[in-house]
Amino acid sequence: MNQPPPLHLDGNCLAGPLSQVFALDPTTARWMCPTCRTPSSVGELHVYGPEPGLTGRCPGCAQLALRVVTQPGRLWLQLGTDQGAFRFALPPSAS
């Protein structure tokens, strides 16, 4: 019995495209605030921290853009509001 192909791929298919993005200087990435529509680069965000991590906010209205938290052996990255975060395992030399 033939089954139709799945409508989605698993997240492993993102490895190639994301490796191109994360290999670049992230401060040059462009961002548009969903609240006030101010365009800026990551390098133009207003960043607060350092503990428990760094929080980048819109330079126009202070809307949350991203959070970065490093812990031994891992890095947490939250993009936008508090709807979840990505956890990356760091190589032993980066901990």
N, C-alpha and C. Protein backbone atom coordinates (compact mmCIF):
# COMPACT_ATOMS: atom_id res chain seq x y z
N MET A 1 0.84 -1.18 0.00
CA MET A 1 0.00 0.00 0.00
C MET A 1 0.89 1.24 0.00
N ASN A 2 0.71 2.08 -0.96
CA ASN A 2 1.49 3.31 -1.05
C ASN A 2 0.91 4.37 -0.13
N GLN A 3 1.80 4.99 0.63
CA GLN A 3 1.37 6.08 1.49
C GLN A 3 1.83 7.39 0.88
N PRO A 4 1.02 8.43 1.00
CA PRO A 4 1.45 9.72 0.46
C PRO A 4 2.67 10.23 1.23
N PRO A 5 3.50 10.99 0.55
CA PRO A 5 4.67 11.54 1.25
C PRO A 5 4.22 12.51 2.35
N PRO A 6 5.02 12.64 3.41
CA PRO A 6 4.63 13.57 4.48
C PRO A 6 4.57 15.00 3.96
N LEU A 7 3.76 15.80 4.62
CA LEU A 7 3.61 17.20 4.22
C LEU A 7 4.72 18.07 4.78
N HIS A 8 5.55 17.51 5.64
CA HIS A 8 6.63 18.29 6.23
C HIS A 8 7.91 17.47 6.28
N LEU A 9 9.02 18.15 6.43
CA LEU A 9 10.33 17.52 6.62
C LEU A 9 10.71 17.68 8.07
N ASP A 10 11.67 16.90 8.55
CA ASP A 10 12.12 17.13 9.93
C ASP A 10 13.14 18.26 9.95
N GLY A 11 13.40 18.78 11.14
CA GLY A 11 14.25 19.95 11.31
C GLY A 11 15.67 19.78 10.84
N ASN A 12 16.12 18.54 10.63
CA ASN A 12 17.49 18.33 10.15
C ASN A 12 17.74 18.95 8.78
N CYS A 13 16.68 19.17 8.00
CA CYS A 13 16.86 19.79 6.69
C CYS A 13 17.28 21.25 6.80
N LEU A 14 17.19 21.83 8.01
CA LEU A 14 17.60 23.22 8.22
C LEU A 14 19.11 23.37 8.47
N ALA A 15 19.81 22.26 8.65
CA ALA A 15 21.24 22.32 9.00
C ALA A 15 22.04 23.11 7.96
N GLY A 16 21.84 22.83 6.70
CA GLY A 16 22.60 23.53 5.66
C GLY A 16 22.31 25.02 5.62
N PRO A 17 21.03 25.43 5.46
CA PRO A 17 20.74 26.86 5.41
C PRO A 17 21.15 27.60 6.68
N LEU A 18 20.89 27.01 7.86
CA LEU A 18 21.24 27.71 9.10
C LEU A 18 22.74 27.80 9.32
N SER A 19 23.50 26.82 8.81
CA SER A 19 24.96 26.91 8.97
C SER A 19 25.51 28.09 8.19
N GLN A 20 24.85 28.46 7.10
CA GLN A 20 25.27 29.65 6.34
C GLN A 20 24.97 30.91 7.13
N VAL A 21 23.86 30.95 7.82
CA VAL A 21 23.47 32.13 8.59
C VAL A 21 24.35 32.29 9.82
N PHE A 22 24.52 31.22 10.58
CA PHE A 22 25.27 31.33 11.83
C PHE A 22 26.76 31.45 11.61
N ALA A 23 27.24 31.26 10.40
CA ALA A 23 28.66 31.46 10.10
C ALA A 23 28.96 32.93 9.79
N LEU A 24 27.95 33.75 9.63
CA LEU A 24 28.11 35.16 9.30
C LEU A 24 28.13 36.02 10.55
N ASP A 25 28.52 37.28 10.39
CA ASP A 25 28.50 38.23 11.50
C ASP A 25 27.04 38.56 11.82
N PRO A 26 26.52 38.11 12.97
CA PRO A 26 25.10 38.32 13.26
C PRO A 26 24.74 39.78 13.51
N THR A 27 25.70 40.64 13.82
CA THR A 27 25.36 42.04 14.10
C THR A 27 24.93 42.80 12.85
N THR A 28 25.17 42.22 11.67
CA THR A 28 24.76 42.88 10.43
C THR A 28 23.36 42.46 9.98
N ALA A 29 22.76 41.49 10.65
CA ALA A 29 21.42 41.03 10.27
C ALA A 29 20.41 42.16 10.48
N ARG A 30 19.51 42.31 9.53
CA ARG A 30 18.47 43.35 9.60
C ARG A 30 17.27 42.82 10.35
N TRP A 31 16.59 43.70 11.06
CA TRP A 31 15.43 43.36 11.86
C TRP A 31 14.42 44.49 11.75
N MET A 32 13.14 44.14 11.69
CA MET A 32 12.07 45.15 11.69
C MET A 32 11.22 44.89 12.92
N CYS A 33 11.08 45.90 13.75
CA CYS A 33 10.30 45.77 14.98
C CYS A 33 8.83 45.54 14.62
N PRO A 34 8.21 44.50 15.17
CA PRO A 34 6.80 44.26 14.87
C PRO A 34 5.86 45.27 15.55
N THR A 35 6.36 46.00 16.53
CA THR A 35 5.53 46.95 17.26
C THR A 35 5.55 48.33 16.62
N CYS A 36 6.76 48.91 16.47
CA CYS A 36 6.84 50.29 15.95
C CYS A 36 7.35 50.37 14.51
N ARG A 37 7.70 49.19 13.93
CA ARG A 37 8.16 49.11 12.53
C ARG A 37 9.50 49.80 12.29
N THR A 38 10.28 50.04 13.34
CA THR A 38 11.61 50.62 13.18
C THR A 38 12.55 49.57 12.60
N PRO A 39 13.18 49.86 11.44
CA PRO A 39 14.17 48.92 10.92
C PRO A 39 15.53 49.18 11.58
N SER A 40 16.24 48.13 11.89
CA SER A 40 17.58 48.28 12.45
C SER A 40 18.36 47.01 12.22
N SER A 41 19.63 47.05 12.50
CA SER A 41 20.45 45.85 12.48
C SER A 41 20.57 45.34 13.91
N VAL A 42 21.02 44.12 14.06
CA VAL A 42 21.25 43.59 15.41
C VAL A 42 22.25 44.48 16.14
N GLY A 43 23.23 45.01 15.44
CA GLY A 43 24.23 45.88 16.05
C GLY A 43 23.66 47.19 16.57
N GLU A 44 22.49 47.60 16.10
CA GLU A 44 21.85 48.84 16.56
C GLU A 44 20.88 48.63 17.72
N LEU A 45 20.62 47.38 18.09
CA LEU A 45 19.71 47.13 19.21
C LEU A 45 20.28 47.69 20.50
N HIS A 46 19.43 48.05 21.43
CA HIS A 46 19.86 48.45 22.77
C HIS A 46 19.95 47.18 23.59
N VAL A 47 21.14 46.88 24.11
CA VAL A 47 21.39 45.61 24.78
C VAL A 47 21.58 45.85 26.27
N TYR A 48 20.90 45.03 27.06
CA TYR A 48 20.96 45.11 28.52
C TYR A 48 21.48 43.78 29.05
N GLY A 49 22.17 43.83 30.16
CA GLY A 49 22.71 42.61 30.75
C GLY A 49 23.82 42.98 31.71
N PRO A 50 24.68 42.12 32.09
CA PRO A 50 24.94 40.82 31.47
C PRO A 50 24.19 39.66 32.10
N GLU A 51 23.62 39.81 33.27
CA GLU A 51 23.03 38.64 33.95
C GLU A 51 21.50 38.70 33.94
N PRO A 52 20.81 37.64 33.75
CA PRO A 52 21.31 36.29 33.52
C PRO A 52 21.75 36.06 32.09
N GLY A 53 21.56 37.04 31.22
CA GLY A 53 22.00 36.97 29.83
C GLY A 53 21.87 38.35 29.22
N LEU A 54 22.08 38.43 27.93
CA LEU A 54 21.97 39.70 27.22
C LEU A 54 20.60 39.79 26.56
N THR A 55 19.96 40.94 26.69
CA THR A 55 18.65 41.19 26.11
C THR A 55 18.77 42.34 25.13
N GLY A 56 18.43 42.09 23.86
CA GLY A 56 18.45 43.12 22.83
C GLY A 56 17.05 43.66 22.61
N ARG A 57 16.91 44.99 22.65
CA ARG A 57 15.59 45.62 22.49
C ARG A 57 15.63 46.62 21.35
N CYS A 58 14.46 46.87 20.79
CA CYS A 58 14.30 47.82 19.69
C CYS A 58 14.79 49.21 20.12
N PRO A 59 15.60 49.87 19.29
CA PRO A 59 16.04 51.22 19.63
C PRO A 59 14.92 52.26 19.54
N GLY A 60 13.79 51.90 18.91
CA GLY A 60 12.68 52.83 18.77
C GLY A 60 11.67 52.77 19.90
N CYS A 61 11.34 51.54 20.37
CA CYS A 61 10.26 51.41 21.35
C CYS A 61 10.57 50.44 22.49
N ALA A 62 11.73 49.84 22.51
CA ALA A 62 12.18 48.91 23.55
C ALA A 62 11.49 47.54 23.49
N GLN A 63 10.82 47.20 22.39
CA GLN A 63 10.24 45.86 22.21
C GLN A 63 11.36 44.83 22.23
N LEU A 64 11.12 43.69 22.87
CA LEU A 64 12.11 42.62 22.92
C LEU A 64 12.41 42.10 21.53
N ALA A 65 13.68 42.07 21.16
CA ALA A 65 14.11 41.52 19.88
C ALA A 65 14.73 40.14 20.07
N LEU A 66 15.62 40.02 21.05
CA LEU A 66 16.26 38.74 21.29
C LEU A 66 16.87 38.69 22.68
N ARG A 67 17.11 37.46 23.14
CA ARG A 67 17.85 37.20 24.37
C ARG A 67 18.88 36.13 24.10
N VAL A 68 20.06 36.28 24.70
CA VAL A 68 21.12 35.28 24.59
C VAL A 68 21.62 34.99 25.99
N VAL A 69 21.58 33.73 26.38
CA VAL A 69 22.07 33.31 27.69
C VAL A 69 23.07 32.20 27.47
N THR A 70 24.26 32.35 28.04
CA THR A 70 25.26 31.28 27.96
C THR A 70 25.39 30.62 29.32
N GLN A 71 25.50 29.32 29.29
CA GLN A 71 25.73 28.50 30.46
C GLN A 71 26.86 27.55 30.11
N PRO A 72 27.45 26.91 31.10
CA PRO A 72 28.51 25.95 30.76
C PRO A 72 28.00 24.90 29.76
N GLY A 73 28.62 24.86 28.61
CA GLY A 73 28.29 23.85 27.61
C GLY A 73 27.09 24.15 26.73
N ARG A 74 26.41 25.29 26.92
CA ARG A 74 25.25 25.58 26.08
C ARG A 74 25.00 27.07 25.93
N LEU A 75 24.25 27.38 24.91
CA LEU A 75 23.83 28.75 24.64
C LEU A 75 22.34 28.71 24.33
N TRP A 76 21.58 29.60 24.96
CA TRP A 76 20.14 29.73 24.71
C TRP A 76 19.92 30.96 23.85
N LEU A 77 19.09 30.84 22.84
CA LEU A 77 18.77 31.96 21.96
C LEU A 77 17.26 32.06 21.84
N GLN A 78 16.73 33.20 22.24
CA GLN A 78 15.31 33.48 22.12
C GLN A 78 15.16 34.63 21.14
N LEU A 79 14.34 34.43 20.12
CA LEU A 79 14.08 35.47 19.13
C LEU A 79 12.67 35.99 19.34
N GLY A 80 12.53 37.26 19.55
CA GLY A 80 11.21 37.85 19.77
C GLY A 80 10.73 37.67 21.19
N THR A 81 9.43 37.59 21.34
CA THR A 81 8.83 37.53 22.67
C THR A 81 9.07 36.17 23.32
N ASP A 82 8.48 35.97 24.45
CA ASP A 82 8.75 34.79 25.28
C ASP A 82 8.02 33.52 24.83
N GLN A 83 8.01 33.25 23.56
CA GLN A 83 7.32 32.08 23.05
C GLN A 83 8.21 30.85 22.96
N GLY A 84 9.40 30.87 23.50
CA GLY A 84 10.30 29.73 23.45
C GLY A 84 11.70 30.16 23.11
N ALA A 85 12.64 29.24 23.29
CA ALA A 85 14.04 29.54 23.02
C ALA A 85 14.70 28.31 22.42
N PHE A 86 15.78 28.54 21.68
CA PHE A 86 16.59 27.47 21.12
C PHE A 86 17.79 27.25 22.03
N ARG A 87 18.13 25.98 22.29
CA ARG A 87 19.31 25.66 23.08
C ARG A 87 20.33 25.01 22.17
N PHE A 88 21.53 25.58 22.14
CA PHE A 88 22.63 25.06 21.32
C PHE A 88 23.68 24.47 22.25
N ALA A 89 24.17 23.28 21.91
CA ALA A 89 25.30 22.71 22.64
C ALA A 89 26.56 23.39 22.12
N LEU A 90 27.40 23.84 23.03
CA LEU A 90 28.65 24.49 22.65
C LEU A 90 29.78 23.48 22.64
N PRO A 91 30.76 23.67 21.76
CA PRO A 91 31.91 22.78 21.78
C PRO A 91 32.66 22.95 23.10
N PRO A 92 33.35 21.93 23.59
CA PRO A 92 34.03 22.02 24.89
C PRO A 92 34.93 23.24 25.04
N SER A 93 35.58 23.68 23.98
CA SER A 93 36.49 24.83 24.09
C SER A 93 35.74 26.15 24.25
N ALA A 94 34.44 26.21 23.90
CA ALA A 94 33.66 27.45 23.98
C ALA A 94 32.96 27.61 25.31
N SER A 95 33.00 26.61 26.18
CA SER A 95 32.25 26.68 27.45
C SER A 95 32.89 27.57 28.45
